């Protein structure tokens, strides 16, 4: 398993290492929901920004290629190159 590190902006030191799976690739912050989305293989790990804990692992399409978060709605979009699709993740907090 590979971890994503949370770094304090004040101290510039690692405050948490969060296990998300092998080969995490892209990270996007969803400011509306205070979550962090990390693409890992054909999934997205959703991390609670306050507790630094993985709260969900969501399957997406094959060969995901990009991830973006809409700051107004809290919706996250993942492009899946290998499946010719876009996965749309919404939050119950949104």
PDB file of N, CA and C in Angstrom:
ATOM      1  N   UNK A   1       0.844  -1.190   0.000  1.00  0.00           N
ATOM      2  CA  UNK A   1       0.000   0.000   0.000  1.00  0.00           C
ATOM      3  C   UNK A   1       0.881   1.242   0.000  1.00  0.00           C
ATOM      4  N   UNK A   2       0.389   2.248  -0.682  1.00  0.00           N
ATOM      5  CA  UNK A   2       1.095   3.515  -0.763  1.00  0.00           C
ATOM      6  C   UNK A   2       0.286   4.554  -0.004  1.00  0.00           C
ATOM      7  N   UNK A   3       0.982   5.529   0.554  1.00  0.00           N
ATOM      8  CA  UNK A   3       0.313   6.558   1.341  1.00  0.00           C
ATOM      9  C   UNK A   3       0.414   7.917   0.675  1.00  0.00           C
ATOM     10  N   UNK A   4      -0.582   8.746   0.976  1.00  0.00           N
ATOM     11  CA  UNK A   4      -0.579  10.151   0.615  1.00  0.00           C
ATOM     12  C   UNK A   4      -0.269  10.903   1.900  1.00  0.00           C
ATOM     13  N   UNK A   5       0.586  11.895   1.834  1.00  0.00           N
ATOM     14  CA  UNK A   5       0.968  12.643   3.035  1.00  0.00           C
ATOM     15  C   UNK A   5       0.214  13.961   3.126  1.00  0.00           C
ATOM     16  N   UNK A   6      -0.231  14.287   4.336  1.00  0.00           N
ATOM     17  CA  UNK A   6      -0.802  15.599   4.619  1.00  0.00           C
ATOM     18  C   UNK A   6       0.309  16.428   5.243  1.00  0.00           C
ATOM     19  N   UNK A   7       0.527  17.621   4.691  1.00  0.00           N
ATOM     20  CA  UNK A   7       1.605  18.482   5.159  1.00  0.00           C
ATOM     21  C   UNK A   7       1.015  19.766   5.719  1.00  0.00           C
ATOM     22  N   UNK A   8       1.460  20.175   6.898  1.00  0.00           N
ATOM     23  CA  UNK A   8       1.004  21.413   7.513  1.00  0.00           C
ATOM     24  C   UNK A   8       1.551  22.604   6.730  1.00  0.00           C
ATOM     25  N   UNK A   9       0.670  23.526   6.384  1.00  0.00           N
ATOM     26  CA  UNK A   9       1.103  24.735   5.688  1.00  0.00           C
ATOM     27  C   UNK A   9       1.915  25.653   6.577  1.00  0.00           C
ATOM     28  N   UNK A  10       1.716  25.556   7.888  1.00  0.00           N
ATOM     29  CA  UNK A  10       2.436  26.417   8.835  1.00  0.00           C
ATOM     30  C   UNK A  10       3.827  25.889   9.137  1.00  0.00           C
ATOM     31  N   UNK A  11       3.903  24.592   9.471  1.00  0.00           N
ATOM     32  CA  UNK A  11       5.181  24.023   9.900  1.00  0.00           C
ATOM     33  C   UNK A  11       5.954  23.371   8.755  1.00  0.00           C
ATOM     34  N   UNK A  12       5.238  23.103   7.645  1.00  0.00           N
ATOM     35  CA  UNK A  12       5.821  22.401   6.498  1.00  0.00           C
ATOM     36  C   UNK A  12       6.340  21.017   6.869  1.00  0.00           C
ATOM     37  N   UNK A  13       5.648  20.389   7.808  1.00  0.00           N
ATOM     38  CA  UNK A  13       5.998  19.038   8.231  1.00  0.00           C
ATOM     39  C   UNK A  13       4.814  18.110   7.987  1.00  0.00           C
ATOM     40  N   UNK A  14       5.123  16.837   7.788  1.00  0.00           N
ATOM     41  CA  UNK A  14       4.083  15.834   7.588  1.00  0.00           C
ATOM     42  C   UNK A  14       3.313  15.643   8.894  1.00  0.00           C
ATOM     43  N   UNK A  15       1.978  15.742   8.797  1.00  0.00           N
ATOM     44  CA  UNK A  15       1.138  15.543   9.976  1.00  0.00           C
ATOM     45  C   UNK A  15       0.359  14.232   9.911  1.00  0.00           C
ATOM     46  N   UNK A  16       0.265  13.640   8.702  1.00  0.00           N
ATOM     47  CA  UNK A  16      -0.435  12.366   8.564  1.00  0.00           C
ATOM     48  C   UNK A  16      -0.005  11.685   7.275  1.00  0.00           C
ATOM     49  N   UNK A  17       0.043  10.371   7.314  1.00  0.00           N
ATOM     50  CA  UNK A  17       0.224   9.541   6.126  1.00  0.00           C
ATOM     51  C   UNK A  17      -1.025   8.687   5.998  1.00  0.00           C
ATOM     52  N   UNK A  18      -1.701   8.789   4.858  1.00  0.00           N
ATOM     53  CA  UNK A  18      -2.981   8.133   4.666  1.00  0.00           C
ATOM     54  C   UNK A  18      -2.828   7.067   3.590  1.00  0.00           C
ATOM     55  N   UNK A  19      -3.060   5.806   3.936  1.00  0.00           N
ATOM     56  CA  UNK A  19      -2.930   4.705   2.985  1.00  0.00           C
ATOM     57  C   UNK A  19      -4.110   4.724   2.018  1.00  0.00           C
ATOM     58  N   UNK A  20      -3.793   4.726   0.718  1.00  0.00           N
ATOM     59  CA  UNK A  20      -4.837   4.801  -0.304  1.00  0.00           C
ATOM     60  C   UNK A  20      -4.761   3.692  -1.340  1.00  0.00           C
ATOM     61  N   UNK A  21      -3.739   2.892  -1.340  1.00  0.00           N
ATOM     62  CA  UNK A  21      -3.584   1.849  -2.349  1.00  0.00           C
ATOM     63  C   UNK A  21      -2.334   2.080  -3.163  1.00  0.00           C
ATOM     64  N   UNK A  22      -2.115   1.219  -4.138  1.00  0.00           N
ATOM     65  CA  UNK A  22      -0.890   1.308  -4.935  1.00  0.00           C
ATOM     66  C   UNK A  22      -1.008   2.307  -6.074  1.00  0.00           C
ATOM     67  N   UNK A  23       0.036   3.054  -6.275  1.00  0.00           N
ATOM     68  CA  UNK A  23       0.187   3.982  -7.389  1.00  0.00           C
ATOM     69  C   UNK A  23      -0.836   5.112  -7.418  1.00  0.00           C
ATOM     70  N   UNK A  24      -0.972   5.892  -6.326  1.00  0.00           N
ATOM     71  CA  UNK A  24      -1.837   7.073  -6.399  1.00  0.00           C
ATOM     72  C   UNK A  24      -1.271   8.029  -7.441  1.00  0.00           C
ATOM     73  N   UNK A  25      -2.157   8.672  -8.202  1.00  0.00           N
ATOM     74  CA  UNK A  25      -1.669   9.478  -9.311  1.00  0.00           C
ATOM     75  C   UNK A  25      -2.038  10.955  -9.207  1.00  0.00           C
ATOM     76  N   UNK A  26      -3.309  11.258  -9.068  1.00  0.00           N
ATOM     77  CA  UNK A  26      -3.737  12.646  -9.092  1.00  0.00           C
ATOM     78  C   UNK A  26      -4.506  12.989  -7.824  1.00  0.00           C
ATOM     79  N   UNK A  27      -4.364  14.229  -7.400  1.00  0.00           N
ATOM     80  CA  UNK A  27      -5.024  14.691  -6.185  1.00  0.00           C
ATOM     81  C   UNK A  27      -5.785  15.973  -6.498  1.00  0.00           C
ATOM     82  N   UNK A  28      -7.027  16.056  -6.030  1.00  0.00           N
ATOM     83  CA  UNK A  28      -7.814  17.283  -6.149  1.00  0.00           C
ATOM     84  C   UNK A  28      -8.507  17.528  -4.825  1.00  0.00           C
ATOM     85  N   UNK A  29      -8.509  18.794  -4.418  1.00  0.00           N
ATOM     86  CA  UNK A  29      -9.191  19.196  -3.191  1.00  0.00           C
ATOM     87  C   UNK A  29     -10.577  19.705  -3.545  1.00  0.00           C
ATOM     88  N   UNK A  30     -11.555  19.225  -2.834  1.00  0.00           N
ATOM     89  CA  UNK A  30     -12.928  19.683  -2.995  1.00  0.00           C
ATOM     90  C   UNK A  30     -13.214  20.605  -1.806  1.00  0.00           C
ATOM     91  N   UNK A  31     -13.079  21.899  -2.017  1.00  0.00           N
ATOM     92  CA  UNK A  31     -13.202  22.862  -0.922  1.00  0.00           C
ATOM     93  C   UNK A  31     -14.595  22.915  -0.325  1.00  0.00           C
ATOM     94  N   UNK A  32     -15.603  22.682  -1.147  1.00  0.00           N
ATOM     95  CA  UNK A  32     -16.984  22.758  -0.654  1.00  0.00           C
ATOM     96  C   UNK A  32     -17.271  21.680   0.390  1.00  0.00           C
ATOM     97  N   UNK A  33     -16.730  20.494   0.180  1.00  0.00           N
ATOM     98  CA  UNK A  33     -17.006  19.382   1.098  1.00  0.00           C
ATOM     99  C   UNK A  33     -15.830  19.062   2.023  1.00  0.00           C
ATOM    100  N   UNK A  34     -14.728  19.795   1.894  1.00  0.00           N
ATOM    101  CA  UNK A  34     -13.516  19.563   2.685  1.00  0.00           C
ATOM    102  C   UNK A  34     -13.042  18.118   2.546  1.00  0.00           C
ATOM    103  N   UNK A  35     -13.031  17.661   1.290  1.00  0.00           N
ATOM    104  CA  UNK A  35     -12.528  16.333   1.008  1.00  0.00           C
ATOM    105  C   UNK A  35     -11.405  16.418  -0.014  1.00  0.00           C
ATOM    106  N   UNK A  36     -10.593  15.373  -0.026  1.00  0.00           N
ATOM    107  CA  UNK A  36      -9.497  15.265  -0.976  1.00  0.00           C
ATOM    108  C   UNK A  36      -9.730  13.990  -1.768  1.00  0.00           C
ATOM    109  N   UNK A  37      -9.686  14.096  -3.095  1.00  0.00           N
ATOM    110  CA  UNK A  37      -9.900  12.946  -3.964  1.00  0.00           C
ATOM    111  C   UNK A  37      -8.570  12.551  -4.582  1.00  0.00           C
ATOM    112  N   UNK A  38      -8.221  11.269  -4.444  1.00  0.00           N
ATOM    113  CA  UNK A  38      -6.964  10.744  -4.972  1.00  0.00           C
ATOM    114  C   UNK A  38      -7.289   9.600  -5.916  1.00  0.00           C
ATOM    115  N   UNK A  39      -6.818   9.691  -7.169  1.00  0.00           N
ATOM    116  CA  UNK A  39      -7.031   8.585  -8.092  1.00  0.00           C
ATOM    117  C   UNK A  39      -6.005   7.499  -7.812  1.00  0.00           C
ATOM    118  N   UNK A  40      -6.505   6.265  -7.706  1.00  0.00           N
ATOM    119  CA  UNK A  40      -5.672   5.100  -7.425  1.00  0.00           C
ATOM    120  C   UNK A  40      -6.188   3.959  -8.293  1.00  0.00           C
ATOM    121  N   UNK A  41      -5.418   3.587  -9.297  1.00  0.00           N
ATOM    122  CA  UNK A  41      -5.879   2.535 -10.197  1.00  0.00           C
ATOM    123  C   UNK A  41      -7.183   2.930 -10.848  1.00  0.00           C
ATOM    124  N   UNK A  42      -8.183   2.076 -10.769  1.00  0.00           N
ATOM    125  CA  UNK A  42      -9.503   2.376 -11.320  1.00  0.00           C
ATOM    126  C   UNK A  42     -10.481   2.788 -10.232  1.00  0.00           C
ATOM    127  N   UNK A  43      -9.949   3.472  -9.202  1.00  0.00           N
ATOM    128  CA  UNK A  43     -10.782   3.957  -8.108  1.00  0.00           C
ATOM    129  C   UNK A  43     -10.378   5.383  -7.744  1.00  0.00           C
ATOM    130  N   UNK A  44     -11.237   6.007  -6.942  1.00  0.00           N
ATOM    131  CA  UNK A  44     -10.923   7.295  -6.334  1.00  0.00           C
ATOM    132  C   UNK A  44     -11.062   7.112  -4.833  1.00  0.00           C
ATOM    133  N   UNK A  45     -10.000   7.415  -4.090  1.00  0.00           N
ATOM    134  CA  UNK A  45     -10.071   7.412  -2.636  1.00  0.00           C
ATOM    135  C   UNK A  45     -10.513   8.794  -2.194  1.00  0.00           C
ATOM    136  N   UNK A  46     -11.552   8.848  -1.368  1.00  0.00           N
ATOM    137  CA  UNK A  46     -12.067  10.110  -0.856  1.00  0.00           C
ATOM    138  C   UNK A  46     -11.620  10.241   0.592  1.00  0.00           C
ATOM    139  N   UNK A  47     -10.891  11.323   0.873  1.00  0.00           N
ATOM    140  CA  UNK A  47     -10.316  11.536   2.205  1.00  0.00           C
ATOM    141  C   UNK A  47     -11.012  12.710   2.877  1.00  0.00           C
ATOM    142  N   UNK A  48     -11.418  12.528   4.123  1.00  0.00           N
ATOM    143  CA  UNK A  48     -11.975  13.625   4.915  1.00  0.00           C
ATOM    144  C   UNK A  48     -10.829  14.576   5.253  1.00  0.00           C
ATOM    145  N   UNK A  49     -10.936  15.829   4.837  1.00  0.00           N
ATOM    146  CA  UNK A  49      -9.863  16.798   5.040  1.00  0.00           C
ATOM    147  C   UNK A  49      -9.635  17.196   6.482  1.00  0.00           C
ATOM    148  N   UNK A  50     -10.619  16.939   7.331  1.00  0.00           N
ATOM    149  CA  UNK A  50     -10.471  17.296   8.735  1.00  0.00           C
ATOM    150  C   UNK A  50      -9.851  16.163   9.558  1.00  0.00           C
ATOM    151  N   UNK A  51     -10.243  14.921   9.256  1.00  0.00           N
ATOM    152  CA  UNK A  51      -9.773  13.792  10.046  1.00  0.00           C
ATOM    153  C   UNK A  51      -8.616  13.037   9.397  1.00  0.00           C
ATOM    154  N   UNK A  52      -8.329  13.345   8.115  1.00  0.00           N
ATOM    155  CA  UNK A  52      -7.281  12.640   7.366  1.00  0.00           C
ATOM    156  C   UNK A  52      -7.540  11.142   7.283  1.00  0.00           C
ATOM    157  N   UNK A  53      -8.803  10.778   7.143  1.00  0.00           N
ATOM    158  CA  UNK A  53      -9.179   9.367   7.032  1.00  0.00           C
ATOM    159  C   UNK A  53      -9.888   9.130   5.701  1.00  0.00           C
ATOM    160  N   UNK A  54      -9.633   7.973   5.094  1.00  0.00           N
ATOM    161  CA  UNK A  54     -10.355   7.595   3.881  1.00  0.00           C
ATOM    162  C   UNK A  54     -11.791   7.271   4.281  1.00  0.00           C
ATOM    163  N   UNK A  55     -12.745   7.968   3.662  1.00  0.00           N
ATOM    164  CA  UNK A  55     -14.156   7.758   3.987  1.00  0.00           C
ATOM    165  C   UNK A  55     -14.879   6.979   2.905  1.00  0.00           C
ATOM    166  N   UNK A  56     -14.271   6.861   1.722  1.00  0.00           N
ATOM    167  CA  UNK A  56     -14.887   6.082   0.650  1.00  0.00           C
ATOM    168  C   UNK A  56     -13.834   5.742  -0.399  1.00  0.00           C
ATOM    169  N   UNK A  57     -14.024   4.601  -1.028  1.00  0.00           N
ATOM    170  CA  UNK A  57     -13.245   4.220  -2.200  1.00  0.00           C
ATOM    171  C   UNK A  57     -14.267   3.929  -3.294  1.00  0.00           C
ATOM    172  N   UNK A  58     -14.240   4.753  -4.337  1.00  0.00           N
ATOM    173  CA  UNK A  58     -15.273   4.716  -5.370  1.00  0.00           C
ATOM    174  C   UNK A  58     -14.691   4.150  -6.666  1.00  0.00           C
ATOM    175  N   UNK A  59     -15.292   3.099  -7.213  1.00  0.00           N
ATOM    176  CA  UNK A  59     -14.801   2.578  -8.494  1.00  0.00           C
ATOM    177  C   UNK A  59     -15.154   3.550  -9.620  1.00  0.00           C
ATOM    178  N   UNK A  60     -14.222   3.725 -10.538  1.00  0.00           N
ATOM    179  CA  UNK A  60     -14.451   4.541 -11.738  1.00  0.00           C
ATOM    180  C   UNK A  60     -14.036   3.705 -12.946  1.00  0.00           C
ATOM    181  N   UNK A  61     -14.059   4.300 -14.132  1.00  0.00           N
ATOM    182  CA  UNK A  61     -13.748   3.555 -15.344  1.00  0.00           C
ATOM    183  C   UNK A  61     -12.279   3.205 -15.495  1.00  0.00           C
ATOM    184  N   UNK A  62     -11.989   2.449 -16.540  1.00  0.00           N
ATOM    185  CA  UNK A  62     -10.626   1.987 -16.802  1.00  0.00           C
ATOM    186  C   UNK A  62      -9.732   3.135 -17.257  1.00  0.00           C
ATOM    187  N   UNK A  63      -8.475   3.057 -16.843  1.00  0.00           N
ATOM    188  CA  UNK A  63      -7.437   3.996 -17.252  1.00  0.00           C
ATOM    189  C   UNK A  63      -7.858   5.443 -17.020  1.00  0.00           C
ATOM    190  N   UNK A  64      -8.225   5.734 -15.791  1.00  0.00           N
ATOM    191  CA  UNK A  64      -8.615   7.111 -15.484  1.00  0.00           C
ATOM    192  C   UNK A  64      -7.450   8.031 -15.840  1.00  0.00           C
ATOM    193  N   UNK A  65      -7.784   9.201 -16.344  1.00  0.00           N
ATOM    194  CA  UNK A  65      -6.754  10.076 -16.900  1.00  0.00           C
ATOM    195  C   UNK A  65      -6.707  11.441 -16.240  1.00  0.00           C
ATOM    196  N   UNK A  66      -7.790  11.909 -15.683  1.00  0.00           N
ATOM    197  CA  UNK A  66      -7.805  13.223 -15.061  1.00  0.00           C
ATOM    198  C   UNK A  66      -8.908  13.307 -14.033  1.00  0.00           C
ATOM    199  N   UNK A  67      -8.760  14.247 -13.104  1.00  0.00           N
ATOM    200  CA  UNK A  67      -9.774  14.453 -12.076  1.00  0.00           C
ATOM    201  C   UNK A  67      -9.899  15.955 -11.824  1.00  0.00           C
ATOM    202  N   UNK A  68     -11.144  16.411 -11.653  1.00  0.00           N
ATOM    203  CA  UNK A  68     -11.401  17.826 -11.386  1.00  0.00           C
ATOM    204  C   UNK A  68     -12.566  17.935 -10.422  1.00  0.00           C
ATOM    205  N   UNK A  69     -12.560  18.999  -9.612  1.00  0.00           N
ATOM    206  CA  UNK A  69     -13.651  19.240  -8.672  1.00  0.00           C
ATOM    207  C   UNK A  69     -14.276  20.595  -8.974  1.00  0.00           C
ATOM    208  N   UNK A  70     -15.606  20.640  -8.977  1.00  0.00           N
ATOM    209  CA  UNK A  70     -16.329  21.889  -9.161  1.00  0.00           C
ATOM    210  C   UNK A  70     -16.492  22.522  -7.785  1.00  0.00           C
ATOM    211  N   UNK A  71     -15.856  23.671  -7.527  1.00  0.00           N
ATOM    212  CA  UNK A  71     -15.892  24.261  -6.185  1.00  0.00           C
ATOM    213  C   UNK A  71     -17.274  24.767  -5.778  1.00  0.00           C
ATOM    214  N   UNK A  72     -18.149  25.037  -6.722  1.00  0.00           N
ATOM    215  CA  UNK A  72     -19.482  25.543  -6.381  1.00  0.00           C
ATOM    216  C   UNK A  72     -20.444  24.429  -5.990  1.00  0.00           C
ATOM    217  N   UNK A  73     -20.348  23.301  -6.678  1.00  0.00           N
ATOM    218  CA  UNK A  73     -21.311  22.220  -6.424  1.00  0.00           C
ATOM    219  C   UNK A  73     -20.743  21.082  -5.581  1.00  0.00           C
ATOM    220  N   UNK A  74     -19.420  20.971  -5.516  1.00  0.00           N
ATOM    221  CA  UNK A  74     -18.798  19.863  -4.800  1.00  0.00           C
ATOM    222  C   UNK A  74     -18.718  18.590  -5.627  1.00  0.00           C
ATOM    223  N   UNK A  75     -19.111  18.666  -6.884  1.00  0.00           N
ATOM    224  CA  UNK A  75     -19.083  17.495  -7.756  1.00  0.00           C
ATOM    225  C   UNK A  75     -17.664  17.248  -8.267  1.00  0.00           C
ATOM    226  N   UNK A  76     -17.282  15.971  -8.340  1.00  0.00           N
ATOM    227  CA  UNK A  76     -15.960  15.590  -8.832  1.00  0.00           C
ATOM    228  C   UNK A  76     -16.145  14.816 -10.128  1.00  0.00           C
ATOM    229  N   UNK A  77     -15.316  15.121 -11.125  1.00  0.00           N
ATOM    230  CA  UNK A  77     -15.377  14.473 -12.430  1.00  0.00           C
ATOM    231  C   UNK A  77     -14.067  13.740 -12.680  1.00  0.00           C
ATOM    232  N   UNK A  78     -14.159  12.492 -13.132  1.00  0.00           N
ATOM    233  CA  UNK A  78     -12.983  11.684 -13.440  1.00  0.00           C
ATOM    234  C   UNK A  78     -13.109  11.197 -14.877  1.00  0.00           C
ATOM    235  N   UNK A  79     -12.122  11.543 -15.720  1.00  0.00           N
ATOM    236  CA  UNK A  79     -12.157  11.041 -17.094  1.00  0.00           C
ATOM    237  C   UNK A  79     -11.516   9.667 -17.135  1.00  0.00           C
ATOM    238  N   UNK A  80     -12.151   8.763 -17.869  1.00  0.00           N
ATOM    239  CA  UNK A  80     -11.712   7.374 -17.956  1.00  0.00           C
ATOM    240  C   UNK A  80     -11.322   7.077 -19.399  1.00  0.00           C
ATOM    241  N   UNK A  81     -10.064   7.259 -19.695  1.00  0.00           N
ATOM    242  CA  UNK A  81      -9.546   7.110 -21.053  1.00  0.00           C
ATOM    243  C   UNK A  81      -9.840   5.732 -21.637  1.00  0.00           C
ATOM    244  N   UNK A  82      -9.630   4.702 -20.856  1.00  0.00           N
ATOM    245  CA  UNK A  82      -9.790   3.336 -21.352  1.00  0.00           C
ATOM    246  C   UNK A  82     -11.233   2.919 -21.551  1.00  0.00           C
ATOM    247  N   UNK A  83     -12.171   3.649 -20.949  1.00  0.00           N
ATOM    248  CA  UNK A  83     -13.584   3.300 -21.064  1.00  0.00           C
ATOM    249  C   UNK A  83     -14.357   4.310 -21.911  1.00  0.00           C
ATOM    250  N   UNK A  84     -13.700   5.392 -22.303  1.00  0.00           N
ATOM    251  CA  UNK A  84     -14.368   6.449 -23.075  1.00  0.00           C
ATOM    252  C   UNK A  84     -15.555   7.031 -22.313  1.00  0.00           C
ATOM    253  N   UNK A  85     -15.378   7.211 -20.989  1.00  0.00           N
ATOM    254  CA  UNK A  85     -16.459   7.710 -20.144  1.00  0.00           C
ATOM    255  C   UNK A  85     -15.934   8.765 -19.179  1.00  0.00           C
ATOM    256  N   UNK A  86     -16.872   9.426 -18.516  1.00  0.00           N
ATOM    257  CA  UNK A  86     -16.547  10.325 -17.417  1.00  0.00           C
ATOM    258  C   UNK A  86     -17.359   9.868 -16.217  1.00  0.00           C
ATOM    259  N   UNK A  87     -16.689   9.637 -15.081  1.00  0.00           N
ATOM    260  CA  UNK A  87     -17.393   9.289 -13.851  1.00  0.00           C
ATOM    261  C   UNK A  87     -17.707  10.583 -13.100  1.00  0.00           C
ATOM    262  N   UNK A  88     -18.911  10.673 -12.559  1.00  0.00           N
ATOM    263  CA  UNK A  88     -19.353  11.861 -11.836  1.00  0.00           C
ATOM    264  C   UNK A  88     -19.625  11.460 -10.392  1.00  0.00           C
ATOM    265  N   UNK A  89     -18.897  12.057  -9.461  1.00  0.00           N
ATOM    266  CA  UNK A  89     -19.053  11.758  -8.038  1.00  0.00           C
ATOM    267  C   UNK A  89     -19.708  12.952  -7.370  1.00  0.00           C
ATOM    268  N   UNK A  90     -20.839  12.716  -6.717  1.00  0.00           N
ATOM    269  CA  UNK A  90     -21.519  13.778  -6.009  1.00  0.00           C
ATOM    270  C   UNK A  90     -21.474  13.479  -4.513  1.00  0.00           C
ATOM    271  N   UNK A  91     -21.675  14.502  -3.732  1.00  0.00           N
ATOM    272  CA  UNK A  91     -21.604  14.360  -2.294  1.00  0.00           C
ATOM    273  C   UNK A  91     -22.966  14.630  -1.675  1.00  0.00           C
ATOM    274  N   UNK A  92     -23.287  13.892  -0.630  1.00  0.00           N
ATOM    275  CA  UNK A  92     -24.531  14.157   0.092  1.00  0.00           C
ATOM    276  C   UNK A  92     -24.430  15.473   0.847  1.00  0.00           C
ATOM    277  N   UNK A  93     -23.207  16.003   1.009  1.00  0.00           N
ATOM    278  CA  UNK A  93     -23.000  17.287   1.673  1.00  0.00           C
ATOM    279  C   UNK A  93     -23.246  18.436   0.716  1.00  0.00           C
ATOM    280  N   UNK A  94     -23.144  18.169  -0.640  1.00  0.00           N
ATOM    281  CA  UNK A  94     -23.183  19.189  -1.662  1.00  0.00           C
ATOM    282  C   UNK A  94     -24.460  19.945  -1.709  1.00  0.00           C
TER     283      UNK A  94
END
